[in-house]
Amino acid sequence: MISLDLNYEPPFNELTEKLKEEIDFDEKITIKELIDFLTEKYGEEFAKLIWDKHQKEELSKFLSIIVNGHNFRDEKFLYKTLQDGDDLTFLYIYFGG
């Protein structure tokens, strides 16, 4: 069993109605599988924040998923296997003023 600590920055915290949560899984999962799980839990609005609306299976350029304090963005990122105790932050980067 693995336990993940999830942190939600705006607008994720508005959608999930929480800043943090701990989620347990029976076995290790990938980031893509976690995103699928969270989409089922929180609905299509969650998915709209994650995915680029023009390219299938491409993360939004405004999204940053920070794993254990590190921001990764390579072609293998979605298939990174998460470990027990990993800490993830979902952060949306806004521009403008």
PDB file of N, CA and C in Angstrom:
ATOM      1  N   MET A   1       0.850  -1.182   0.000  1.00  0.00           N
ATOM      2  CA  MET A   1       0.000   0.000   0.000  1.00  0.00           C
ATOM      3  C   MET A   1       0.897   1.246   0.000  1.00  0.00           C
ATOM      4  N   ILE A   2       0.473   2.272  -0.733  1.00  0.00           N
ATOM      5  CA  ILE A   2       1.201   3.536  -0.722  1.00  0.00           C
ATOM      6  C   ILE A   2       0.252   4.667  -0.327  1.00  0.00           C
ATOM      7  N   SER A   3       0.834   5.665   0.282  1.00  0.00           N
ATOM      8  CA  SER A   3       0.091   6.848   0.711  1.00  0.00           C
ATOM      9  C   SER A   3       0.720   8.065   0.045  1.00  0.00           C
ATOM     10  N   LEU A   4      -0.113   8.899  -0.568  1.00  0.00           N
ATOM     11  CA  LEU A   4       0.341  10.119  -1.243  1.00  0.00           C
ATOM     12  C   LEU A   4      -0.246  11.335  -0.546  1.00  0.00           C
ATOM     13  N   ASP A   5       0.564  12.371  -0.383  1.00  0.00           N
ATOM     14  CA  ASP A   5       0.099  13.642   0.153  1.00  0.00           C
ATOM     15  C   ASP A   5      -0.109  14.595  -1.015  1.00  0.00           C
ATOM     16  N   LEU A   6      -1.341  15.064  -1.177  1.00  0.00           N
ATOM     17  CA  LEU A   6      -1.674  15.955  -2.282  1.00  0.00           C
ATOM     18  C   LEU A   6      -1.974  17.347  -1.746  1.00  0.00           C
ATOM     19  N   ASN A   7      -1.431  18.351  -2.416  1.00  0.00           N
ATOM     20  CA  ASN A   7      -1.652  19.754  -2.067  1.00  0.00           C
ATOM     21  C   ASN A   7      -2.309  20.429  -3.262  1.00  0.00           C
ATOM     22  N   TYR A   8      -3.344  21.219  -2.987  1.00  0.00           N
ATOM     23  CA  TYR A   8      -4.083  21.880  -4.059  1.00  0.00           C
ATOM     24  C   TYR A   8      -3.985  23.391  -3.917  1.00  0.00           C
ATOM     25  N   GLU A   9      -3.352  24.018  -4.896  1.00  0.00           N
ATOM     26  CA  GLU A   9      -3.296  25.472  -4.972  1.00  0.00           C
ATOM     27  C   GLU A   9      -4.446  25.931  -5.871  1.00  0.00           C
ATOM     28  N   PRO A  10      -4.800  27.245  -5.823  1.00  0.00           N
ATOM     29  CA  PRO A  10      -5.874  27.725  -6.692  1.00  0.00           C
ATOM     30  C   PRO A  10      -5.586  27.424  -8.156  1.00  0.00           C
ATOM     31  N   PRO A  11      -6.579  27.082  -8.929  1.00  0.00           N
ATOM     32  CA  PRO A  11      -7.990  26.913  -8.620  1.00  0.00           C
ATOM     33  C   PRO A  11      -8.351  25.490  -8.178  1.00  0.00           C
ATOM     34  N   PHE A  12      -7.353  24.611  -8.037  1.00  0.00           N
ATOM     35  CA  PHE A  12      -7.643  23.237  -7.635  1.00  0.00           C
ATOM     36  C   PHE A  12      -8.317  23.163  -6.270  1.00  0.00           C
ATOM     37  N   ASN A  13      -7.898  24.034  -5.340  1.00  0.00           N
ATOM     38  CA  ASN A  13      -8.494  23.997  -4.011  1.00  0.00           C
ATOM     39  C   ASN A  13      -9.969  24.401  -4.044  1.00  0.00           C
ATOM     40  N   GLU A  14     -10.337  25.248  -4.976  1.00  0.00           N
ATOM     41  CA  GLU A  14     -11.745  25.632  -5.105  1.00  0.00           C
ATOM     42  C   GLU A  14     -12.573  24.458  -5.630  1.00  0.00           C
ATOM     43  N   LEU A  15     -12.008  23.713  -6.528  1.00  0.00           N
ATOM     44  CA  LEU A  15     -12.695  22.572  -7.129  1.00  0.00           C
ATOM     45  C   LEU A  15     -12.807  21.404  -6.139  1.00  0.00           C
ATOM     46  N   THR A  16     -11.719  21.124  -5.427  1.00  0.00           N
ATOM     47  CA  THR A  16     -11.701  19.994  -4.490  1.00  0.00           C
ATOM     48  C   THR A  16     -12.280  20.368  -3.130  1.00  0.00           C
ATOM     49  N   GLU A  17     -12.381  21.673  -2.871  1.00  0.00           N
ATOM     50  CA  GLU A  17     -12.832  22.214  -1.592  1.00  0.00           C
ATOM     51  C   GLU A  17     -11.913  21.811  -0.442  1.00  0.00           C
ATOM     52  N   LYS A  18     -10.621  21.676  -0.771  1.00  0.00           N
ATOM     53  CA  LYS A  18      -9.621  21.385   0.260  1.00  0.00           C
ATOM     54  C   LYS A  18      -8.253  21.841  -0.218  1.00  0.00           C
ATOM     55  N   LEU A  19      -7.393  22.098   0.745  1.00  0.00           N
ATOM     56  CA  LEU A  19      -6.018  22.487   0.435  1.00  0.00           C
ATOM     57  C   LEU A  19      -5.100  21.280   0.364  1.00  0.00           C
ATOM     58  N   LYS A  20      -5.404  20.256   1.163  1.00  0.00           N
ATOM     59  CA  LYS A  20      -4.574  19.056   1.235  1.00  0.00           C
ATOM     60  C   LYS A  20      -5.454  17.838   1.417  1.00  0.00           C
ATOM     61  N   GLU A  21      -4.913  16.713   0.980  1.00  0.00           N
ATOM     62  CA  GLU A  21      -5.542  15.436   1.310  1.00  0.00           C
ATOM     63  C   GLU A  21      -4.514  14.328   1.168  1.00  0.00           C
ATOM     64  N   GLU A  22      -4.736  13.293   1.913  1.00  0.00           N
ATOM     65  CA  GLU A  22      -3.892  12.105   1.832  1.00  0.00           C
ATOM     66  C   GLU A  22      -4.728  11.004   1.190  1.00  0.00           C
ATOM     67  N   ILE A  23      -4.163  10.361   0.179  1.00  0.00           N
ATOM     68  CA  ILE A  23      -4.875   9.298  -0.529  1.00  0.00           C
ATOM     69  C   ILE A  23      -4.021   8.036  -0.494  1.00  0.00           C
ATOM     70  N   ASP A  24      -4.668   6.924  -0.192  1.00  0.00           N
ATOM     71  CA  ASP A  24      -3.991   5.629  -0.135  1.00  0.00           C
ATOM     72  C   ASP A  24      -4.397   4.770  -1.322  1.00  0.00           C
ATOM     73  N   PHE A  25      -3.434   4.035  -1.842  1.00  0.00           N
ATOM     74  CA  PHE A  25      -3.664   3.097  -2.935  1.00  0.00           C
ATOM     75  C   PHE A  25      -3.086   1.738  -2.542  1.00  0.00           C
ATOM     76  N   ASP A  26      -3.664   0.693  -3.077  1.00  0.00           N
ATOM     77  CA  ASP A  26      -3.202  -0.664  -2.765  1.00  0.00           C
ATOM     78  C   ASP A  26      -1.844  -0.980  -3.372  1.00  0.00           C
ATOM     79  N   GLU A  27      -1.519  -0.303  -4.467  1.00  0.00           N
ATOM     80  CA  GLU A  27      -0.241  -0.552  -5.141  1.00  0.00           C
ATOM     81  C   GLU A  27       0.273   0.746  -5.745  1.00  0.00           C
ATOM     82  N   LYS A  28       1.513   0.737  -6.193  1.00  0.00           N
ATOM     83  CA  LYS A  28       2.094   1.923  -6.816  1.00  0.00           C
ATOM     84  C   LYS A  28       1.313   2.290  -8.068  1.00  0.00           C
ATOM     85  N   ILE A  29       1.235   3.595  -8.331  1.00  0.00           N
ATOM     86  CA  ILE A  29       0.535   4.085  -9.518  1.00  0.00           C
ATOM     87  C   ILE A  29       1.398   5.133 -10.205  1.00  0.00           C
ATOM     88  N   THR A  30       1.062   5.424 -11.451  1.00  0.00           N
ATOM     89  CA  THR A  30       1.753   6.471 -12.191  1.00  0.00           C
ATOM     90  C   THR A  30       1.024   7.802 -11.991  1.00  0.00           C
ATOM     91  N   ILE A  31       1.663   8.874 -12.402  1.00  0.00           N
ATOM     92  CA  ILE A  31       1.016  10.185 -12.331  1.00  0.00           C
ATOM     93  C   ILE A  31      -0.234  10.192 -13.202  1.00  0.00           C
ATOM     94  N   LYS A  32      -0.177   9.578 -14.364  1.00  0.00           N
ATOM     95  CA  LYS A  32      -1.357   9.506 -15.248  1.00  0.00           C
ATOM     96  C   LYS A  32      -2.502   8.783 -14.553  1.00  0.00           C
ATOM     97  N   GLU A  33      -2.219   7.680 -13.882  1.00  0.00           N
ATOM     98  CA  GLU A  33      -3.264   6.945 -13.160  1.00  0.00           C
ATOM     99  C   GLU A  33      -3.829   7.779 -12.009  1.00  0.00           C
ATOM    100  N   LEU A  34      -2.971   8.560 -11.345  1.00  0.00           N
ATOM    101  CA  LEU A  34      -3.450   9.451 -10.290  1.00  0.00           C
ATOM    102  C   LEU A  34      -4.372  10.513 -10.873  1.00  0.00           C
ATOM    103  N   ILE A  35      -3.986  11.093 -12.002  1.00  0.00           N
ATOM    104  CA  ILE A  35      -4.832  12.098 -12.647  1.00  0.00           C
ATOM    105  C   ILE A  35      -6.181  11.496 -13.027  1.00  0.00           C
ATOM    106  N   ASP A  36      -6.181  10.289 -13.561  1.00  0.00           N
ATOM    107  CA  ASP A  36      -7.442   9.614 -13.907  1.00  0.00           C
ATOM    108  C   ASP A  36      -8.302   9.407 -12.664  1.00  0.00           C
ATOM    109  N   PHE A  37      -7.687   8.982 -11.565  1.00  0.00           N
ATOM    110  CA  PHE A  37      -8.395   8.782 -10.303  1.00  0.00           C
ATOM    111  C   PHE A  37      -9.017  10.096  -9.821  1.00  0.00           C
ATOM    112  N   LEU A  38      -8.225  11.175  -9.844  1.00  0.00           N
ATOM    113  CA  LEU A  38      -8.721  12.471  -9.378  1.00  0.00           C
ATOM    114  C   LEU A  38      -9.800  13.029 -10.297  1.00  0.00           C
ATOM    115  N   THR A  39      -9.718  12.741 -11.590  1.00  0.00           N
ATOM    116  CA  THR A  39     -10.770  13.161 -12.520  1.00  0.00           C
ATOM    117  C   THR A  39     -12.075  12.440 -12.199  1.00  0.00           C
ATOM    118  N   GLU A  40     -11.996  11.159 -11.895  1.00  0.00           N
ATOM    119  CA  GLU A  40     -13.202  10.420 -11.492  1.00  0.00           C
ATOM    120  C   GLU A  40     -13.779  10.990 -10.205  1.00  0.00           C
ATOM    121  N   LYS A  41     -12.908  11.337  -9.278  1.00  0.00           N
ATOM    122  CA  LYS A  41     -13.345  11.841  -7.972  1.00  0.00           C
ATOM    123  C   LYS A  41     -13.926  13.251  -8.053  1.00  0.00           C
ATOM    124  N   TYR A  42     -13.271  14.138  -8.836  1.00  0.00           N
ATOM    125  CA  TYR A  42     -13.646  15.548  -8.854  1.00  0.00           C
ATOM    126  C   TYR A  42     -14.317  16.008 -10.147  1.00  0.00           C
ATOM    127  N   GLY A  43     -14.382  15.161 -11.157  1.00  0.00           N
ATOM    128  CA  GLY A  43     -15.143  15.473 -12.357  1.00  0.00           C
ATOM    129  C   GLY A  43     -14.349  16.107 -13.487  1.00  0.00           C
ATOM    130  N   GLU A  44     -15.069  16.391 -14.553  1.00  0.00           N
ATOM    131  CA  GLU A  44     -14.474  16.911 -15.787  1.00  0.00           C
ATOM    132  C   GLU A  44     -13.801  18.266 -15.607  1.00  0.00           C
ATOM    133  N   GLU A  45     -14.276  19.072 -14.673  1.00  0.00           N
ATOM    134  CA  GLU A  45     -13.642  20.379 -14.441  1.00  0.00           C
ATOM    135  C   GLU A  45     -12.200  20.197 -13.991  1.00  0.00           C
ATOM    136  N   PHE A  46     -11.936  19.141 -13.240  1.00  0.00           N
ATOM    137  CA  PHE A  46     -10.564  18.832 -12.836  1.00  0.00           C
ATOM    138  C   PHE A  46      -9.728  18.521 -14.072  1.00  0.00           C
ATOM    139  N   ALA A  47     -10.270  17.684 -14.955  1.00  0.00           N
ATOM    140  CA  ALA A  47      -9.558  17.301 -16.182  1.00  0.00           C
ATOM    141  C   ALA A  47      -9.268  18.523 -17.055  1.00  0.00           C
ATOM    142  N   LYS A  48     -10.184  19.468 -17.109  1.00  0.00           N
ATOM    143  CA  LYS A  48      -9.985  20.667 -17.930  1.00  0.00           C
ATOM    144  C   LYS A  48      -8.805  21.505 -17.441  1.00  0.00           C
ATOM    145  N   LEU A  49      -8.521  21.442 -16.147  1.00  0.00           N
ATOM    146  CA  LEU A  49      -7.369  22.156 -15.610  1.00  0.00           C
ATOM    147  C   LEU A  49      -6.059  21.436 -15.906  1.00  0.00           C
ATOM    148  N   ILE A  50      -6.127  20.140 -16.099  1.00  0.00           N
ATOM    149  CA  ILE A  50      -4.933  19.319 -16.286  1.00  0.00           C
ATOM    150  C   ILE A  50      -4.468  19.291 -17.741  1.00  0.00           C
ATOM    151  N   TRP A  51      -5.389  19.044 -18.643  1.00  0.00           N
ATOM    152  CA  TRP A  51      -5.016  18.747 -20.034  1.00  0.00           C
ATOM    153  C   TRP A  51      -5.087  19.962 -20.942  1.00  0.00           C
ATOM    154  N   ASP A  52      -4.188  20.014 -21.912  1.00  0.00           N
ATOM    155  CA  ASP A  52      -4.219  21.016 -22.968  1.00  0.00           C
ATOM    156  C   ASP A  52      -5.482  20.763 -23.785  1.00  0.00           C
ATOM    157  N   LYS A  53      -6.272  21.788 -24.005  1.00  0.00           N
ATOM    158  CA  LYS A  53      -7.547  21.580 -24.695  1.00  0.00           C
ATOM    159  C   LYS A  53      -7.390  21.290 -26.184  1.00  0.00           C
ATOM    160  N   HIS A  54      -6.183  21.475 -26.721  1.00  0.00           N
ATOM    161  CA  HIS A  54      -5.964  21.253 -28.141  1.00  0.00           C
ATOM    162  C   HIS A  54      -5.196  19.974 -28.464  1.00  0.00           C
ATOM    163  N   GLN A  55      -4.496  19.423 -27.476  1.00  0.00           N
ATOM    164  CA  GLN A  55      -3.672  18.244 -27.744  1.00  0.00           C
ATOM    165  C   GLN A  55      -3.975  17.145 -26.727  1.00  0.00           C
ATOM    166  N   LYS A  56      -4.431  16.023 -27.222  1.00  0.00           N
ATOM    167  CA  LYS A  56      -4.759  14.892 -26.367  1.00  0.00           C
ATOM    168  C   LYS A  56      -3.511  14.386 -25.639  1.00  0.00           C
ATOM    169  N   GLU A  57      -3.667  14.070 -24.379  1.00  0.00           N
ATOM    170  CA  GLU A  57      -2.596  13.528 -23.538  1.00  0.00           C
ATOM    171  C   GLU A  57      -1.423  14.495 -23.361  1.00  0.00           C
ATOM    172  N   GLU A  58      -1.671  15.778 -23.544  1.00  0.00           N
ATOM    173  CA  GLU A  58      -0.643  16.800 -23.341  1.00  0.00           C
ATOM    174  C   GLU A  58      -1.070  17.667 -22.156  1.00  0.00           C
ATOM    175  N   LEU A  59      -0.192  17.804 -21.159  1.00  0.00           N
ATOM    176  CA  LEU A  59      -0.514  18.626 -20.001  1.00  0.00           C
ATOM    177  C   LEU A  59      -0.647  20.091 -20.408  1.00  0.00           C
ATOM    178  N   SER A  60      -1.553  20.794 -19.731  1.00  0.00           N
ATOM    179  CA  SER A  60      -1.724  22.224 -19.963  1.00  0.00           C
ATOM    180  C   SER A  60      -0.410  22.944 -19.688  1.00  0.00           C
ATOM    181  N   LYS A  61      -0.107  23.927 -20.506  1.00  0.00           N
ATOM    182  CA  LYS A  61       1.129  24.688 -20.304  1.00  0.00           C
ATOM    183  C   LYS A  61       1.043  25.595 -19.076  1.00  0.00           C
ATOM    184  N   PHE A  62      -0.150  25.754 -18.515  1.00  0.00           N
ATOM    185  CA  PHE A  62      -0.336  26.568 -17.319  1.00  0.00           C
ATOM    186  C   PHE A  62      -0.248  25.742 -16.038  1.00  0.00           C
ATOM    187  N   LEU A  63      -0.118  24.433 -16.179  1.00  0.00           N
ATOM    188  CA  LEU A  63      -0.109  23.521 -15.042  1.00  0.00           C
ATOM    189  C   LEU A  63       1.308  23.170 -14.620  1.00  0.00           C
ATOM    190  N   SER A  64       1.500  23.124 -13.327  1.00  0.00           N
ATOM    191  CA  SER A  64       2.745  22.613 -12.775  1.00  0.00           C
ATOM    192  C   SER A  64       2.377  21.581 -11.716  1.00  0.00           C
ATOM    193  N   ILE A  65       2.879  20.363 -11.880  1.00  0.00           N
ATOM    194  CA  ILE A  65       2.717  19.334 -10.866  1.00  0.00           C
ATOM    195  C   ILE A  65       4.083  19.139 -10.232  1.00  0.00           C
ATOM    196  N   ILE A  66       4.174  19.484  -8.976  1.00  0.00           N
ATOM    197  CA  ILE A  66       5.441  19.434  -8.264  1.00  0.00           C
ATOM    198  C   ILE A  66       5.470  18.155  -7.428  1.00  0.00           C
ATOM    199  N   VAL A  67       6.505  17.342  -7.637  1.00  0.00           N
ATOM    200  CA  VAL A  67       6.640  16.076  -6.924  1.00  0.00           C
ATOM    201  C   VAL A  67       7.848  16.178  -6.004  1.00  0.00           C
ATOM    202  N   ASN A  68       7.584  16.086  -4.708  1.00  0.00           N
ATOM    203  CA  ASN A  68       8.652  16.159  -3.701  1.00  0.00           C
ATOM    204  C   ASN A  68       9.548  17.381  -3.896  1.00  0.00           C
ATOM    205  N   GLY A  69       8.913  18.518  -4.218  1.00  0.00           N
ATOM    206  CA  GLY A  69       9.641  19.772  -4.352  1.00  0.00           C
ATOM    207  C   GLY A  69      10.305  20.005  -5.696  1.00  0.00           C
ATOM    208  N   HIS A  70      10.138  19.059  -6.634  1.00  0.00           N
ATOM    209  CA  HIS A  70      10.758  19.195  -7.956  1.00  0.00           C
ATOM    210  C   HIS A  70       9.695  19.274  -9.038  1.00  0.00           C
ATOM    211  N   ASN A  71       9.884  20.173  -9.968  1.00  0.00           N
ATOM    212  CA  ASN A  71       8.970  20.345 -11.088  1.00  0.00           C
ATOM    213  C   ASN A  71       9.563  19.634 -12.307  1.00  0.00           C
ATOM    214  N   PHE A  72       8.863  18.630 -12.786  1.00  0.00           N
ATOM    215  CA  PHE A  72       9.325  17.869 -13.938  1.00  0.00           C
ATOM    216  C   PHE A  72       8.432  18.180 -15.128  1.00  0.00           C
ATOM    217  N   ARG A  73       9.010  18.120 -16.320  1.00  0.00           N
ATOM    218  CA  ARG A  73       8.194  18.354 -17.514  1.00  0.00           C
ATOM    219  C   ARG A  73       8.872  17.693 -18.705  1.00  0.00           C
ATOM    220  N   ASP A  74       8.874  16.380 -18.741  1.00  0.00           N
ATOM    221  CA  ASP A  74       9.435  15.684 -19.884  1.00  0.00           C
ATOM    222  C   ASP A  74       8.415  14.687 -20.421  1.00  0.00           C
ATOM    223  N   GLU A  75       8.750  14.046 -21.530  1.00  0.00           N
ATOM    224  CA  GLU A  75       7.786  13.155 -22.189  1.00  0.00           C
ATOM    225  C   GLU A  75       7.451  11.914 -21.357  1.00  0.00           C
ATOM    226  N   LYS A  76       8.261  11.593 -20.364  1.00  0.00           N
ATOM    227  CA  LYS A  76       8.008  10.414 -19.529  1.00  0.00           C
ATOM    228  C   LYS A  76       7.321  10.770 -18.210  1.00  0.00           C
ATOM    229  N   PHE A  77       7.058  12.050 -17.980  1.00  0.00           N
ATOM    230  CA  PHE A  77       6.526  12.505 -16.696  1.00  0.00           C
ATOM    231  C   PHE A  77       5.235  11.796 -16.303  1.00  0.00           C
ATOM    232  N   LEU A  78       4.298  11.678 -17.225  1.00  0.00           N
ATOM    233  CA  LEU A  78       3.009  11.065 -16.896  1.00  0.00           C
ATOM    234  C   LEU A  78       3.136   9.610 -16.466  1.00  0.00           C
ATOM    235  N   TYR A  79       4.221   8.973 -16.844  1.00  0.00           N
ATOM    236  CA  TYR A  79       4.400   7.545 -16.550  1.00  0.00           C
ATOM    237  C   TYR A  79       5.377   7.307 -15.408  1.00  0.00           C
ATOM    238  N   LYS A  80       5.727   8.386 -14.702  1.00  0.00           N
ATOM    239  CA  LYS A  80       6.561   8.276 -13.508  1.00  0.00           C
ATOM    240  C   LYS A  80       5.767   7.524 -12.440  1.00  0.00           C
ATOM    241  N   THR A  81       6.383   6.501 -11.861  1.00  0.00           N
ATOM    242  CA  THR A  81       5.729   5.729 -10.802  1.00  0.00           C
ATOM    243  C   THR A  81       5.910   6.448  -9.479  1.00  0.00           C
ATOM    244  N   LEU A  82       4.799   6.642  -8.798  1.00  0.00           N
ATOM    245  CA  LEU A  82       4.820   7.328  -7.511  1.00  0.00           C
ATOM    246  C   LEU A  82       5.162   6.343  -6.398  1.00  0.00           C
ATOM    247  N   GLN A  83       5.844   6.841  -5.381  1.00  0.00           N
ATOM    248  CA  GLN A  83       6.304   6.018  -4.262  1.00  0.00           C
ATOM    249  C   GLN A  83       5.535   6.387  -2.988  1.00  0.00           C
ATOM    250  N   ASP A  84       5.535   5.476  -2.038  1.00  0.00           N
ATOM    251  CA  ASP A  84       4.913   5.738  -0.752  1.00  0.00           C
ATOM    252  C   ASP A  84       5.521   6.996  -0.128  1.00  0.00           C
ATOM    253  N   GLY A  85       4.655   7.906   0.319  1.00  0.00           N
ATOM    254  CA  GLY A  85       5.108   9.127   0.965  1.00  0.00           C
ATOM    255  C   GLY A  85       5.372  10.287   0.028  1.00  0.00           C
ATOM    256  N   ASP A  86       5.211  10.082  -1.276  1.00  0.00           N
ATOM    257  CA  ASP A  86       5.419  11.191  -2.209  1.00  0.00           C
ATOM    258  C   ASP A  86       4.456  12.330  -1.908  1.00  0.00           C
ATOM    259  N   ASP A  87       4.958  13.542  -2.100  1.00  0.00           N
ATOM    260  CA  ASP A  87       4.204  14.764  -1.855  1.00  0.00           C
ATOM    261  C   ASP A  87       4.037  15.477  -3.192  1.00  0.00           C
ATOM    262  N   LEU A  88       2.782  15.667  -3.619  1.00  0.00           N
ATOM    263  CA  LEU A  88       2.507  16.309  -4.908  1.00  0.00           C
ATOM    264  C   LEU A  88       1.711  17.585  -4.701  1.00  0.00           C
ATOM    265  N   THR A  89       2.065  18.600  -5.462  1.00  0.00           N
ATOM    266  CA  THR A  89       1.331  19.864  -5.443  1.00  0.00           C
ATOM    267  C   THR A  89       0.836  20.158  -6.852  1.00  0.00           C
ATOM    268  N   PHE A  90      -0.446  20.467  -6.949  1.00  0.00           N
ATOM    269  CA  PHE A  90      -1.057  20.864  -8.218  1.00  0.00           C
ATOM    270  C   PHE A  90      -1.162  22.382  -8.205  1.00  0.00           C
ATOM    271  N   LEU A  91      -0.436  23.010  -9.127  1.00  0.00           N
ATOM    272  CA  LEU A  91      -0.321  24.458  -9.157  1.00  0.00           C
ATOM    273  C   LEU A  91      -0.645  24.949 -10.561  1.00  0.00           C
ATOM    274  N   TYR A  92      -1.512  25.943 -10.660  1.00  0.00           N
ATOM    275  CA  TYR A  92      -1.883  26.536 -11.934  1.00  0.00           C
ATOM    276  C   TYR A  92      -1.241  27.906 -12.003  1.00  0.00           C
ATOM    277  N   ILE A  93      -0.521  28.171 -13.067  1.00  0.00           N
ATOM    278  CA  ILE A  93       0.208  29.423 -13.213  1.00  0.00           C
ATOM    279  C   ILE A  93      -0.647  30.406 -14.017  1.00  0.00           C
ATOM    280  N   TYR A  94      -0.935  31.526 -13.398  1.00  0.00           N
ATOM    281  CA  TYR A  94      -1.735  32.558 -14.058  1.00  0.00           C
ATOM    282  C   TYR A  94      -0.834  33.667 -14.577  1.00  0.00           C
ATOM    283  N   PHE A  95      -1.241  34.244 -15.675  1.00  0.00           N
ATOM    284  CA  PHE A  95      -0.509  35.373 -16.242  1.00  0.00           C
ATOM    285  C   PHE A  95      -1.476  36.544 -16.389  1.00  0.00           C
ATOM    286  N   GLY A  96      -0.947  37.694 -16.500  1.00  0.00           N
ATOM    287  CA  GLY A  96      -1.788  38.868 -16.741  1.00  0.00           C
ATOM    288  C   GLY A  96      -1.783  39.801 -15.551  1.00  0.00           C
ATOM    289  N   GLY A  97      -2.639  40.789 -15.636  1.00  0.00           N
ATOM    290  CA  GLY A  97      -2.661  41.726 -14.521  1.00  0.00           C
ATOM    291  C   GLY A  97      -3.754  42.729 -14.661  1.00  0.00           C
TER     292      GLY A  97
END
